[in-house]
PDB file of N, CA and C in Angstrom:
ATOM      1  N   UNK A   1      -4.730  10.881   1.930  1.00  0.00           N
ATOM      2  CA  UNK A   1      -4.665  11.173   3.339  1.00  0.00           C
ATOM      3  C   UNK A   1      -4.311  12.635   3.472  1.00  0.00           C
ATOM      4  N   UNK A   2      -5.017  13.340   4.310  1.00  0.00           N
ATOM      5  CA  UNK A   2      -4.659  14.728   4.557  1.00  0.00           C
ATOM      6  C   UNK A   2      -3.543  14.765   5.591  1.00  0.00           C
ATOM      7  N   UNK A   3      -3.108  15.937   5.983  1.00  0.00           N
ATOM      8  CA  UNK A   3      -1.996  16.063   6.920  1.00  0.00           C
ATOM      9  C   UNK A   3      -2.246  15.367   8.249  1.00  0.00           C
ATOM     10  N   UNK A   4      -3.502  15.188   8.622  1.00  0.00           N
ATOM     11  CA  UNK A   4      -3.828  14.568   9.903  1.00  0.00           C
ATOM     12  C   UNK A   4      -4.104  13.072   9.768  1.00  0.00           C
ATOM     13  N   UNK A   5      -3.885  12.519   8.565  1.00  0.00           N
ATOM     14  CA  UNK A   5      -4.111  11.097   8.375  1.00  0.00           C
ATOM     15  C   UNK A   5      -5.542  10.763   8.032  1.00  0.00           C
ATOM     16  N   UNK A   6      -6.322  11.765   7.658  1.00  0.00           N
ATOM     17  CA  UNK A   6      -7.715  11.535   7.316  1.00  0.00           C
ATOM     18  C   UNK A   6      -7.881  11.091   5.880  1.00  0.00           C
ATOM     19  N   UNK A   7      -9.120  10.956   5.445  1.00  0.00           N
ATOM     20  CA  UNK A   7      -9.376  10.469   4.098  1.00  0.00           C
ATOM     21  C   UNK A   7      -9.017  11.501   3.033  1.00  0.00           C
ATOM     22  N   UNK A   8      -8.608  10.982   1.888  1.00  0.00           N
ATOM     23  CA  UNK A   8      -8.366  11.843   0.730  1.00  0.00           C
ATOM     24  C   UNK A   8      -9.634  11.809  -0.105  1.00  0.00           C
ATOM     25  N   UNK A   9     -10.331  12.909  -0.182  1.00  0.00           N
ATOM     26  CA  UNK A   9     -11.573  12.963  -0.946  1.00  0.00           C
ATOM     27  C   UNK A   9     -11.337  13.751  -2.219  1.00  0.00           C
ATOM     28  N   UNK A  10     -11.874  13.232  -3.297  1.00  0.00           N
ATOM     29  CA  UNK A  10     -11.693  13.878  -4.589  1.00  0.00           C
ATOM     30  C   UNK A  10     -13.048  14.046  -5.248  1.00  0.00           C
ATOM     31  N   UNK A  11     -13.071  14.843  -6.313  1.00  0.00           N
ATOM     32  CA  UNK A  11     -14.340  15.149  -6.973  1.00  0.00           C
ATOM     33  C   UNK A  11     -15.054  13.922  -7.521  1.00  0.00           C
ATOM     34  N   UNK A  12     -14.335  12.883  -7.870  1.00  0.00           N
ATOM     35  CA  UNK A  12     -14.962  11.693  -8.436  1.00  0.00           C
ATOM     36  C   UNK A  12     -15.682  10.871  -7.374  1.00  0.00           C
ATOM     37  N   UNK A  13     -15.474  11.195  -6.126  1.00  0.00           N
ATOM     38  CA  UNK A  13     -16.082  10.439  -5.055  1.00  0.00           C
ATOM     39  C   UNK A  13     -15.184   9.331  -4.525  1.00  0.00           C
ATOM     40  N   UNK A  14     -14.045   9.086  -5.189  1.00  0.00           N
ATOM     41  CA  UNK A  14     -13.124   8.058  -4.709  1.00  0.00           C
ATOM     42  C   UNK A  14     -12.510   8.511  -3.394  1.00  0.00           C
ATOM     43  N   UNK A  15     -12.387   7.578  -2.477  1.00  0.00           N
ATOM     44  CA  UNK A  15     -11.836   7.870  -1.160  1.00  0.00           C
ATOM     45  C   UNK A  15     -10.769   6.832  -0.835  1.00  0.00           C
ATOM     46  N   UNK A  16      -9.708   7.302  -0.224  1.00  0.00           N
ATOM     47  CA  UNK A  16      -8.670   6.419   0.280  1.00  0.00           C
ATOM     48  C   UNK A  16      -8.431   6.801   1.726  1.00  0.00           C
ATOM     49  N   UNK A  17      -8.718   5.880   2.629  1.00  0.00           N
ATOM     50  CA  UNK A  17      -8.469   6.092   4.058  1.00  0.00           C
ATOM     51  C   UNK A  17      -7.215   5.328   4.443  1.00  0.00           C
ATOM     52  N   UNK A  18      -6.291   6.009   5.099  1.00  0.00           N
ATOM     53  CA  UNK A  18      -5.050   5.395   5.543  1.00  0.00           C
ATOM     54  C   UNK A  18      -4.859   5.719   7.017  1.00  0.00           C
ATOM     55  N   UNK A  19      -4.551   4.705   7.797  1.00  0.00           N
ATOM     56  CA  UNK A  19      -4.289   4.915   9.216  1.00  0.00           C
ATOM     57  C   UNK A  19      -3.275   3.913   9.714  1.00  0.00           C
ATOM     58  N   UNK A  20      -2.778   4.117  10.922  1.00  0.00           N
ATOM     59  CA  UNK A  20      -1.776   3.199  11.478  1.00  0.00           C
ATOM     60  C   UNK A  20      -2.402   1.875  11.905  1.00  0.00           C
ATOM     61  N   UNK A  21      -1.586   0.848  11.957  1.00  0.00           N
ATOM     62  CA  UNK A  21      -2.009  -0.439  12.509  1.00  0.00           C
ATOM     63  C   UNK A  21      -1.763  -0.422  14.008  1.00  0.00           C
ATOM     64  N   UNK A  22      -2.641  -1.030  14.744  1.00  0.00           N
ATOM     65  CA  UNK A  22      -2.470  -1.107  16.201  1.00  0.00           C
ATOM     66  C   UNK A  22      -1.505  -2.240  16.541  1.00  0.00           C
ATOM     67  N   UNK A  23      -0.493  -1.938  17.328  1.00  0.00           N
ATOM     68  CA  UNK A  23       0.386  -2.957  17.861  1.00  0.00           C
ATOM     69  C   UNK A  23       1.496  -3.450  16.956  1.00  0.00           C
ATOM     70  N   UNK A  24       1.608  -2.922  15.762  1.00  0.00           N
ATOM     71  CA  UNK A  24       2.693  -3.325  14.871  1.00  0.00           C
ATOM     72  C   UNK A  24       2.944  -2.245  13.831  1.00  0.00           C
ATOM     73  N   UNK A  25       4.133  -2.225  13.260  1.00  0.00           N
ATOM     74  CA  UNK A  25       4.472  -1.162  12.312  1.00  0.00           C
ATOM     75  C   UNK A  25       3.763  -1.359  10.973  1.00  0.00           C
ATOM     76  N   UNK A  26       3.090  -0.333  10.522  1.00  0.00           N
ATOM     77  CA  UNK A  26       2.441  -0.439   9.226  1.00  0.00           C
ATOM     78  C   UNK A  26       1.207   0.426   9.129  1.00  0.00           C
ATOM     79  N   UNK A  27       0.473   0.196   8.038  1.00  0.00           N
ATOM     80  CA  UNK A  27      -0.722   0.983   7.748  1.00  0.00           C
ATOM     81  C   UNK A  27      -1.895   0.082   7.385  1.00  0.00           C
ATOM     82  N   UNK A  28      -3.078   0.589   7.672  1.00  0.00           N
ATOM     83  CA  UNK A  28      -4.335  -0.039   7.261  1.00  0.00           C
ATOM     84  C   UNK A  28      -4.954   0.894   6.225  1.00  0.00           C
ATOM     85  N   UNK A  29      -5.335   0.330   5.086  1.00  0.00           N
ATOM     86  CA  UNK A  29      -5.831   1.133   3.978  1.00  0.00           C
ATOM     87  C   UNK A  29      -7.203   0.624   3.566  1.00  0.00           C
ATOM     88  N   UNK A  30      -8.097   1.551   3.228  1.00  0.00           N
ATOM     89  CA  UNK A  30      -9.394   1.163   2.677  1.00  0.00           C
ATOM     90  C   UNK A  30      -9.786   2.161   1.602  1.00  0.00           C
ATOM     91  N   UNK A  31     -10.642   1.705   0.712  1.00  0.00           N
ATOM     92  CA  UNK A  31     -11.104   2.549  -0.383  1.00  0.00           C
ATOM     93  C   UNK A  31     -10.567   2.060  -1.708  1.00  0.00           C
ATOM     94  N   UNK A  32     -10.185   3.014  -2.562  1.00  0.00           N
ATOM     95  CA  UNK A  32      -9.681   2.697  -3.894  1.00  0.00           C
ATOM     96  C   UNK A  32      -8.327   3.353  -4.104  1.00  0.00           C
ATOM     97  N   UNK A  33      -7.417   2.612  -4.722  1.00  0.00           N
ATOM     98  CA  UNK A  33      -6.101   3.144  -5.062  1.00  0.00           C
ATOM     99  C   UNK A  33      -6.076   3.288  -6.574  1.00  0.00           C
ATOM    100  N   UNK A  34      -6.221   4.529  -7.031  1.00  0.00           N
ATOM    101  CA  UNK A  34      -6.275   4.808  -8.464  1.00  0.00           C
ATOM    102  C   UNK A  34      -5.760   6.203  -8.736  1.00  0.00           C
ATOM    103  N   UNK A  35      -6.024   6.677  -9.923  1.00  0.00           N
ATOM    104  CA  UNK A  35      -5.476   7.966 -10.352  1.00  0.00           C
ATOM    105  C   UNK A  35      -5.878   9.108  -9.421  1.00  0.00           C
ATOM    106  N   UNK A  36      -7.087   9.104  -8.940  1.00  0.00           N
ATOM    107  CA  UNK A  36      -7.554  10.228  -8.118  1.00  0.00           C
ATOM    108  C   UNK A  36      -7.074  10.159  -6.667  1.00  0.00           C
ATOM    109  N   UNK A  37      -6.583   9.000  -6.227  1.00  0.00           N
ATOM    110  CA  UNK A  37      -6.087   8.870  -4.851  1.00  0.00           C
ATOM    111  C   UNK A  37      -4.600   8.525  -4.805  1.00  0.00           C
ATOM    112  N   UNK A  38      -3.947   8.523  -5.954  1.00  0.00           N
ATOM    113  CA  UNK A  38      -2.551   8.088  -6.035  1.00  0.00           C
ATOM    114  C   UNK A  38      -1.612   8.893  -5.144  1.00  0.00           C
ATOM    115  N   UNK A  39      -1.755  10.200  -5.113  1.00  0.00           N
ATOM    116  CA  UNK A  39      -0.862  11.021  -4.298  1.00  0.00           C
ATOM    117  C   UNK A  39      -0.958  10.630  -2.820  1.00  0.00           C
ATOM    118  N   UNK A  40      -2.156  10.399  -2.336  1.00  0.00           N
ATOM    119  CA  UNK A  40      -2.333   9.972  -0.938  1.00  0.00           C
ATOM    120  C   UNK A  40      -1.679   8.610  -0.693  1.00  0.00           C
ATOM    121  N   UNK A  41      -1.832   7.688  -1.628  1.00  0.00           N
ATOM    122  CA  UNK A  41      -1.228   6.362  -1.530  1.00  0.00           C
ATOM    123  C   UNK A  41       0.295   6.476  -1.510  1.00  0.00           C
ATOM    124  N   UNK A  42       0.846   7.255  -2.427  1.00  0.00           N
ATOM    125  CA  UNK A  42       2.294   7.424  -2.488  1.00  0.00           C
ATOM    126  C   UNK A  42       2.834   8.111  -1.234  1.00  0.00           C
ATOM    127  N   UNK A  43       2.101   9.080  -0.715  1.00  0.00           N
ATOM    128  CA  UNK A  43       2.513   9.732   0.535  1.00  0.00           C
ATOM    129  C   UNK A  43       2.507   8.739   1.700  1.00  0.00           C
ATOM    130  N   UNK A  44       1.495   7.882   1.748  1.00  0.00           N
ATOM    131  CA  UNK A  44       1.420   6.869   2.808  1.00  0.00           C
ATOM    132  C   UNK A  44       2.591   5.891   2.702  1.00  0.00           C
ATOM    133  N   UNK A  45       2.953   5.499   1.484  1.00  0.00           N
ATOM    134  CA  UNK A  45       4.081   4.587   1.291  1.00  0.00           C
ATOM    135  C   UNK A  45       5.405   5.259   1.641  1.00  0.00           C
ATOM    136  N   UNK A  46       5.535   6.537   1.326  1.00  0.00           N
ATOM    137  CA  UNK A  46       6.741   7.276   1.696  1.00  0.00           C
ATOM    138  C   UNK A  46       6.896   7.308   3.205  1.00  0.00           C
ATOM    139  N   UNK A  47       5.810   7.592   3.901  1.00  0.00           N
ATOM    140  CA  UNK A  47       5.854   7.618   5.368  1.00  0.00           C
ATOM    141  C   UNK A  47       6.146   6.223   5.925  1.00  0.00           C
ATOM    142  N   UNK A  48       5.566   5.204   5.331  1.00  0.00           N
ATOM    143  CA  UNK A  48       5.829   3.824   5.748  1.00  0.00           C
ATOM    144  C   UNK A  48       7.318   3.509   5.614  1.00  0.00           C
ATOM    145  N   UNK A  49       7.920   3.908   4.506  1.00  0.00           N
ATOM    146  CA  UNK A  49       9.340   3.615   4.296  1.00  0.00           C
ATOM    147  C   UNK A  49      10.229   4.395   5.262  1.00  0.00           C
ATOM    148  N   UNK A  50       9.817   5.589   5.651  1.00  0.00           N
ATOM    149  CA  UNK A  50      10.588   6.368   6.627  1.00  0.00           C
ATOM    150  C   UNK A  50      10.624   5.693   7.989  1.00  0.00           C
ATOM    151  N   UNK A  51       9.547   5.032   8.339  1.00  0.00           N
ATOM    152  CA  UNK A  51       9.440   4.390   9.655  1.00  0.00           C
ATOM    153  C   UNK A  51       9.860   2.923   9.632  1.00  0.00           C
ATOM    154  N   UNK A  52      10.176   2.402   8.458  1.00  0.00           N
ATOM    155  CA  UNK A  52      10.493   0.981   8.288  1.00  0.00           C
ATOM    156  C   UNK A  52      11.752   0.589   9.062  1.00  0.00           C
ATOM    157  N   UNK A  53      11.676  -0.562   9.729  1.00  0.00           N
ATOM    158  CA  UNK A  53      12.855  -1.123  10.372  1.00  0.00           C
ATOM    159  C   UNK A  53      13.157  -2.480   9.738  1.00  0.00           C
ATOM    160  N   UNK A  54      12.447  -3.517  10.131  1.00  0.00           N
ATOM    161  CA  UNK A  54      12.677  -4.839   9.558  1.00  0.00           C
ATOM    162  C   UNK A  54      11.474  -5.320   8.750  1.00  0.00           C
ATOM    163  N   UNK A  55      10.288  -5.223   9.350  1.00  0.00           N
ATOM    164  CA  UNK A  55       9.057  -5.643   8.682  1.00  0.00           C
ATOM    165  C   UNK A  55       8.022  -4.551   8.843  1.00  0.00           C
ATOM    166  N   UNK A  56       7.411  -4.180   7.725  1.00  0.00           N
ATOM    167  CA  UNK A  56       6.293  -3.233   7.740  1.00  0.00           C
ATOM    168  C   UNK A  56       5.081  -3.947   7.162  1.00  0.00           C
ATOM    169  N   UNK A  57       3.922  -3.678   7.744  1.00  0.00           N
ATOM    170  CA  UNK A  57       2.689  -4.334   7.312  1.00  0.00           C
ATOM    171  C   UNK A  57       1.797  -3.335   6.582  1.00  0.00           C
ATOM    172  N   UNK A  58       1.154  -3.829   5.513  1.00  0.00           N
ATOM    173  CA  UNK A  58       0.191  -3.031   4.765  1.00  0.00           C
ATOM    174  C   UNK A  58      -1.075  -3.874   4.690  1.00  0.00           C
ATOM    175  N   UNK A  59      -2.075  -3.506   5.482  1.00  0.00           N
ATOM    176  CA  UNK A  59      -3.327  -4.261   5.580  1.00  0.00           C
ATOM    177  C   UNK A  59      -4.321  -3.646   4.600  1.00  0.00           C
ATOM    178  N   UNK A  60      -4.750  -4.445   3.601  1.00  0.00           N
ATOM    179  CA  UNK A  60      -5.571  -3.921   2.499  1.00  0.00           C
ATOM    180  C   UNK A  60      -6.952  -4.567   2.406  1.00  0.00           C
ATOM    181  N   UNK A  61      -7.466  -5.163   3.470  1.00  0.00           N
ATOM    182  CA  UNK A  61      -8.758  -5.851   3.376  1.00  0.00           C
ATOM    183  C   UNK A  61      -9.892  -4.915   2.971  1.00  0.00           C
ATOM    184  N   UNK A  62      -9.755  -3.626   3.241  1.00  0.00           N
ATOM    185  CA  UNK A  62     -10.795  -2.670   2.879  1.00  0.00           C
ATOM    186  C   UNK A  62     -10.593  -2.013   1.521  1.00  0.00           C
ATOM    187  N   UNK A  63      -9.594  -2.460   0.776  1.00  0.00           N
ATOM    188  CA  UNK A  63      -9.341  -1.878  -0.541  1.00  0.00           C
ATOM    189  C   UNK A  63     -10.145  -2.651  -1.580  1.00  0.00           C
ATOM    190  N   UNK A  64     -10.983  -1.923  -2.311  1.00  0.00           N
ATOM    191  CA  UNK A  64     -11.825  -2.528  -3.343  1.00  0.00           C
ATOM    192  C   UNK A  64     -11.118  -2.630  -4.684  1.00  0.00           C
ATOM    193  N   UNK A  65     -10.168  -1.730  -4.932  1.00  0.00           N
ATOM    194  CA  UNK A  65      -9.506  -1.690  -6.239  1.00  0.00           C
ATOM    195  C   UNK A  65      -8.145  -1.049  -6.093  1.00  0.00           C
ATOM    196  N   UNK A  66      -7.166  -1.579  -6.829  1.00  0.00           N
ATOM    197  CA  UNK A  66      -5.850  -0.958  -6.944  1.00  0.00           C
ATOM    198  C   UNK A  66      -5.430  -1.059  -8.403  1.00  0.00           C
ATOM    199  N   UNK A  67      -5.004   0.053  -8.976  1.00  0.00           N
ATOM    200  CA  UNK A  67      -4.578   0.036 -10.379  1.00  0.00           C
ATOM    201  C   UNK A  67      -3.101  -0.326 -10.485  1.00  0.00           C
ATOM    202  N   UNK A  68      -2.619  -0.461 -11.729  1.00  0.00           N
ATOM    203  CA  UNK A  68      -1.239  -0.868 -11.966  1.00  0.00           C
ATOM    204  C   UNK A  68      -0.257   0.132 -11.363  1.00  0.00           C
ATOM    205  N   UNK A  69      -0.543   1.414 -11.474  1.00  0.00           N
ATOM    206  CA  UNK A  69       0.358   2.429 -10.911  1.00  0.00           C
ATOM    207  C   UNK A  69       0.411   2.331  -9.387  1.00  0.00           C
ATOM    208  N   UNK A  70      -0.679   1.966  -8.761  1.00  0.00           N
ATOM    209  CA  UNK A  70      -0.684   1.783  -7.306  1.00  0.00           C
ATOM    210  C   UNK A  70       0.167   0.596  -6.886  1.00  0.00           C
ATOM    211  N   UNK A  71       0.100  -0.490  -7.643  1.00  0.00           N
ATOM    212  CA  UNK A  71       0.939  -1.656  -7.360  1.00  0.00           C
ATOM    213  C   UNK A  71       2.401  -1.312  -7.641  1.00  0.00           C
ATOM    214  N   UNK A  72       2.639  -0.532  -8.694  1.00  0.00           N
ATOM    215  CA  UNK A  72       4.003  -0.094  -9.005  1.00  0.00           C
ATOM    216  C   UNK A  72       4.592   0.701  -7.848  1.00  0.00           C
ATOM    217  N   UNK A  73       3.808   1.616  -7.286  1.00  0.00           N
ATOM    218  CA  UNK A  73       4.290   2.419  -6.157  1.00  0.00           C
ATOM    219  C   UNK A  73       4.656   1.525  -4.977  1.00  0.00           C
ATOM    220  N   UNK A  74       3.871   0.502  -4.727  1.00  0.00           N
ATOM    221  CA  UNK A  74       4.162  -0.435  -3.646  1.00  0.00           C
ATOM    222  C   UNK A  74       5.456  -1.211  -3.939  1.00  0.00           C
ATOM    223  N   UNK A  75       5.597  -1.704  -5.171  1.00  0.00           N
ATOM    224  CA  UNK A  75       6.788  -2.458  -5.551  1.00  0.00           C
ATOM    225  C   UNK A  75       8.044  -1.597  -5.461  1.00  0.00           C
ATOM    226  N   UNK A  76       7.973  -0.365  -5.941  1.00  0.00           N
ATOM    227  CA  UNK A  76       9.119   0.542  -5.893  1.00  0.00           C
ATOM    228  C   UNK A  76       9.492   0.849  -4.441  1.00  0.00           C
ATOM    229  N   UNK A  77       8.493   1.038  -3.603  1.00  0.00           N
ATOM    230  CA  UNK A  77       8.757   1.272  -2.179  1.00  0.00           C
ATOM    231  C   UNK A  77       9.523   0.094  -1.586  1.00  0.00           C
ATOM    232  N   UNK A  78       9.061  -1.121  -1.862  1.00  0.00           N
ATOM    233  CA  UNK A  78       9.724  -2.319  -1.328  1.00  0.00           C
ATOM    234  C   UNK A  78      11.147  -2.448  -1.872  1.00  0.00           C
ATOM    235  N   UNK A  79      11.341  -2.139  -3.151  1.00  0.00           N
ATOM    236  CA  UNK A  79      12.676  -2.245  -3.752  1.00  0.00           C
ATOM    237  C   UNK A  79      13.649  -1.239  -3.151  1.00  0.00           C
ATOM    238  N   UNK A  80      13.150  -0.097  -2.704  1.00  0.00           N
ATOM    239  CA  UNK A  80      14.017   0.953  -2.182  1.00  0.00           C
ATOM    240  C   UNK A  80      14.258   0.875  -0.681  1.00  0.00           C
ATOM    241  N   UNK A  81      13.671  -0.095  -0.004  1.00  0.00           N
ATOM    242  CA  UNK A  81      13.921  -0.257   1.428  1.00  0.00           C
ATOM    243  C   UNK A  81      15.354  -0.731   1.636  1.00  0.00           C
ATOM    244  N   UNK A  82      15.999  -0.269   2.692  1.00  0.00           N
ATOM    245  CA  UNK A  82      17.379  -0.676   2.940  1.00  0.00           C
ATOM    246  C   UNK A  82      17.510  -2.143   3.347  1.00  0.00           C
ATOM    247  N   UNK A  83      16.449  -2.759   3.762  1.00  0.00           N
ATOM    248  CA  UNK A  83      16.458  -4.158   4.185  1.00  0.00           C
ATOM    249  C   UNK A  83      15.083  -4.537   4.681  1.00  0.00           C
ATOM    250  N   UNK A  84      14.909  -5.781   5.020  1.00  0.00           N
ATOM    251  CA  UNK A  84      13.620  -6.244   5.524  1.00  0.00           C
ATOM    252  C   UNK A  84      12.622  -6.434   4.413  1.00  0.00           C
ATOM    253  N   UNK A  85      11.345  -6.373   4.795  1.00  0.00           N
ATOM    254  CA  UNK A  85      10.301  -6.626   3.802  1.00  0.00           C
ATOM    255  C   UNK A  85       9.003  -5.919   4.190  1.00  0.00           C
ATOM    256  N   UNK A  86       8.112  -5.879   3.207  1.00  0.00           N
ATOM    257  CA  UNK A  86       6.761  -5.377   3.407  1.00  0.00           C
ATOM    258  C   UNK A  86       5.830  -6.573   3.300  1.00  0.00           C
ATOM    259  N   UNK A  87       5.010  -6.769   4.316  1.00  0.00           N
ATOM    260  CA  UNK A  87       4.023  -7.840   4.293  1.00  0.00           C
ATOM    261  C   UNK A  87       2.678  -7.209   3.943  1.00  0.00           C
ATOM    262  N   UNK A  88       2.131  -7.617   2.819  1.00  0.00           N
ATOM    263  CA  UNK A  88       0.843  -7.106   2.356  1.00  0.00           C
ATOM    264  C   UNK A  88      -0.218  -8.124   2.757  1.00  0.00           C
ATOM    265  N   UNK A  89      -1.163  -7.682   3.567  1.00  0.00           N
ATOM    266  CA  UNK A  89      -2.189  -8.583   4.091  1.00  0.00           C
ATOM    267  C   UNK A  89      -3.536  -8.309   3.425  1.00  0.00           C
ATOM    268  N   UNK A  90      -4.170  -9.395   3.006  1.00  0.00           N
ATOM    269  CA  UNK A  90      -5.542  -9.383   2.481  1.00  0.00           C
ATOM    270  C   UNK A  90      -5.735  -8.358   1.358  1.00  0.00           C
ATOM    271  N   UNK A  91      -4.903  -8.431   0.311  1.00  0.00           N
ATOM    272  CA  UNK A  91      -5.027  -7.479  -0.796  1.00  0.00           C
ATOM    273  C   UNK A  91      -6.178  -7.835  -1.720  1.00  0.00           C
ATOM    274  N   UNK A  92      -6.603  -6.870  -2.543  1.00  0.00           N
ATOM    275  CA  UNK A  92      -7.579  -7.200  -3.586  1.00  0.00           C
ATOM    276  C   UNK A  92      -6.933  -8.169  -4.579  1.00  0.00           C
ATOM    277  N   UNK A  93      -7.727  -8.978  -5.272  1.00  0.00           N
ATOM    278  CA  UNK A  93      -7.185 -10.053  -6.119  1.00  0.00           C
ATOM    279  C   UNK A  93      -6.194  -9.590  -7.188  1.00  0.00           C
ATOM    280  N   UNK A  94      -6.372  -8.412  -7.734  1.00  0.00           N
ATOM    281  CA  UNK A  94      -5.481  -7.983  -8.809  1.00  0.00           C
ATOM    282  C   UNK A  94      -4.063  -7.675  -8.322  1.00  0.00           C
ATOM    283  N   UNK A  95      -3.868  -7.336  -7.045  1.00  0.00           N
ATOM    284  CA  UNK A  95      -2.539  -6.962  -6.568  1.00  0.00           C
ATOM    285  C   UNK A  95      -1.530  -8.108  -6.668  1.00  0.00           C
ATOM    286  N   UNK A  96      -1.801  -9.302  -6.120  1.00  0.00           N
ATOM    287  CA  UNK A  96      -0.816 -10.374  -6.259  1.00  0.00           C
ATOM    288  C   UNK A  96      -0.584 -10.772  -7.716  1.00  0.00           C
ATOM    289  N   UNK A  97      -1.643 -10.715  -8.531  1.00  0.00           N
ATOM    290  CA  UNK A  97      -1.488 -11.052  -9.949  1.00  0.00           C
ATOM    291  C   UNK A  97      -0.534 -10.094 -10.648  1.00  0.00           C
ATOM    292  N   UNK A  98      -0.680  -8.802 -10.365  1.00  0.00           N
ATOM    293  CA  UNK A  98       0.195  -7.807 -10.982  1.00  0.00           C
ATOM    294  C   UNK A  98       1.629  -7.944 -10.471  1.00  0.00           C
ATOM    295  N   UNK A  99       1.801  -8.203  -9.180  1.00  0.00           N
ATOM    296  CA  UNK A  99       3.151  -8.420  -8.654  1.00  0.00           C
ATOM    297  C   UNK A  99       3.812  -9.615  -9.337  1.00  0.00           C
ATOM    298  N   UNK A 100       3.069 -10.714  -9.493  1.00  0.00           N
ATOM    299  CA  UNK A 100       3.614 -11.908 -10.145  1.00  0.00           C
ATOM    300  C   UNK A 100       3.938 -11.650 -11.615  1.00  0.00           C
ATOM    301  N   UNK A 101       3.129 -10.845 -12.265  1.00  0.00           N
ATOM    302  CA  UNK A 101       3.317 -10.566 -13.685  1.00  0.00           C
ATOM    303  C   UNK A 101       4.514  -9.651 -13.941  1.00  0.00           C
ATOM    304  N   UNK A 102       4.614  -8.549 -13.192  1.00  0.00           N
ATOM    305  CA  UNK A 102       5.635  -7.543 -13.467  1.00  0.00           C
ATOM    306  C   UNK A 102       6.878  -7.640 -12.588  1.00  0.00           C
ATOM    307  N   UNK A 103       6.752  -8.196 -11.391  1.00  0.00           N
ATOM    308  CA  UNK A 103       7.884  -8.301 -10.453  1.00  0.00           C
ATOM    309  C   UNK A 103       7.947  -9.709  -9.869  1.00  0.00           C
ATOM    310  N   UNK A 104       8.127 -10.732 -10.696  1.00  0.00           N
ATOM    311  CA  UNK A 104       8.056 -12.109 -10.190  1.00  0.00           C
ATOM    312  C   UNK A 104       9.151 -12.476  -9.190  1.00  0.00           C
ATOM    313  N   UNK A 105      10.255 -11.781  -9.208  1.00  0.00           N
ATOM    314  CA  UNK A 105      11.343 -12.139  -8.294  1.00  0.00           C
ATOM    315  C   UNK A 105      11.577 -11.096  -7.202  1.00  0.00           C
ATOM    316  N   UNK A 106      10.605 -10.225  -6.999  1.00  0.00           N
ATOM    317  CA  UNK A 106      10.739  -9.185  -5.970  1.00  0.00           C
ATOM    318  C   UNK A 106      10.670  -9.832  -4.589  1.00  0.00           C
ATOM    319  N   UNK A 107      11.769  -9.750  -3.864  1.00  0.00           N
ATOM    320  CA  UNK A 107      11.854 -10.397  -2.547  1.00  0.00           C
ATOM    321  C   UNK A 107      11.400  -9.495  -1.410  1.00  0.00           C
ATOM    322  N   UNK A 108      11.261  -8.210  -1.667  1.00  0.00           N
ATOM    323  CA  UNK A 108      10.926  -7.270  -0.608  1.00  0.00           C
ATOM    324  C   UNK A 108       9.463  -7.259  -0.210  1.00  0.00           C
ATOM    325  N   UNK A 109       8.620  -8.006  -0.929  1.00  0.00           N
ATOM    326  CA  UNK A 109       7.190  -8.033  -0.617  1.00  0.00           C
ATOM    327  C   UNK A 109       6.762  -9.481  -0.384  1.00  0.00           C
ATOM    328  N   UNK A 110       6.032  -9.666   0.697  1.00  0.00           N
ATOM    329  CA  UNK A 110       5.386 -10.955   0.986  1.00  0.00           C
ATOM    330  C   UNK A 110       3.889 -10.704   1.001  1.00  0.00           C
ATOM    331  N   UNK A 111       3.134 -11.476   0.248  1.00  0.00           N
ATOM    332  CA  UNK A 111       1.688 -11.290   0.186  1.00  0.00           C
ATOM    333  C   UNK A 111       0.999 -12.383   0.973  1.00  0.00           C
ATOM    334  N   UNK A 112       0.230 -11.973   1.990  1.00  0.00           N
ATOM    335  CA  UNK A 112      -0.585 -12.904   2.765  1.00  0.00           C
ATOM    336  C   UNK A 112      -1.957 -12.978   2.103  1.00  0.00           C
ATOM    337  N   UNK A 113      -2.510 -14.164   1.953  1.00  0.00           N
ATOM    338  CA  UNK A 113      -3.783 -14.307   1.222  1.00  0.00           C
ATOM    339  C   UNK A 113      -4.956 -13.589   1.855  1.00  0.00           C
ATOM    340  N   UNK A 114      -5.956 -13.352   1.052  1.00  0.00           N
ATOM    341  CA  UNK A 114      -7.184 -12.661   1.458  1.00  0.00           C
ATOM    342  C   UNK A 114      -8.003 -13.516   2.368  1.00  0.00           C
TER     343      UNK A 114
END
């Protein structure tokens, strides 16, 4: 995401679009979360945590791929929240699997099915 919330474009062609959710606290993300878009993803999560109150939503129906480091950034963000939780909606299939594998008892994230 650039300073105005636009897409992060990189030489590989990978794009990550991040924008606000209408009517509730959180972000809507589309594209790919990987090495070439990681900084944009981490910046979006940092901003999400700054605005977090009780529940923050992360809508991922437009995300085609997320790597282990991207899931790690999400888990670390949830662990560092002062309270409440992050509700992840419609994630790609690998995200819940990785959360269950590496953070099986993480209470700060709730995953809503695809």
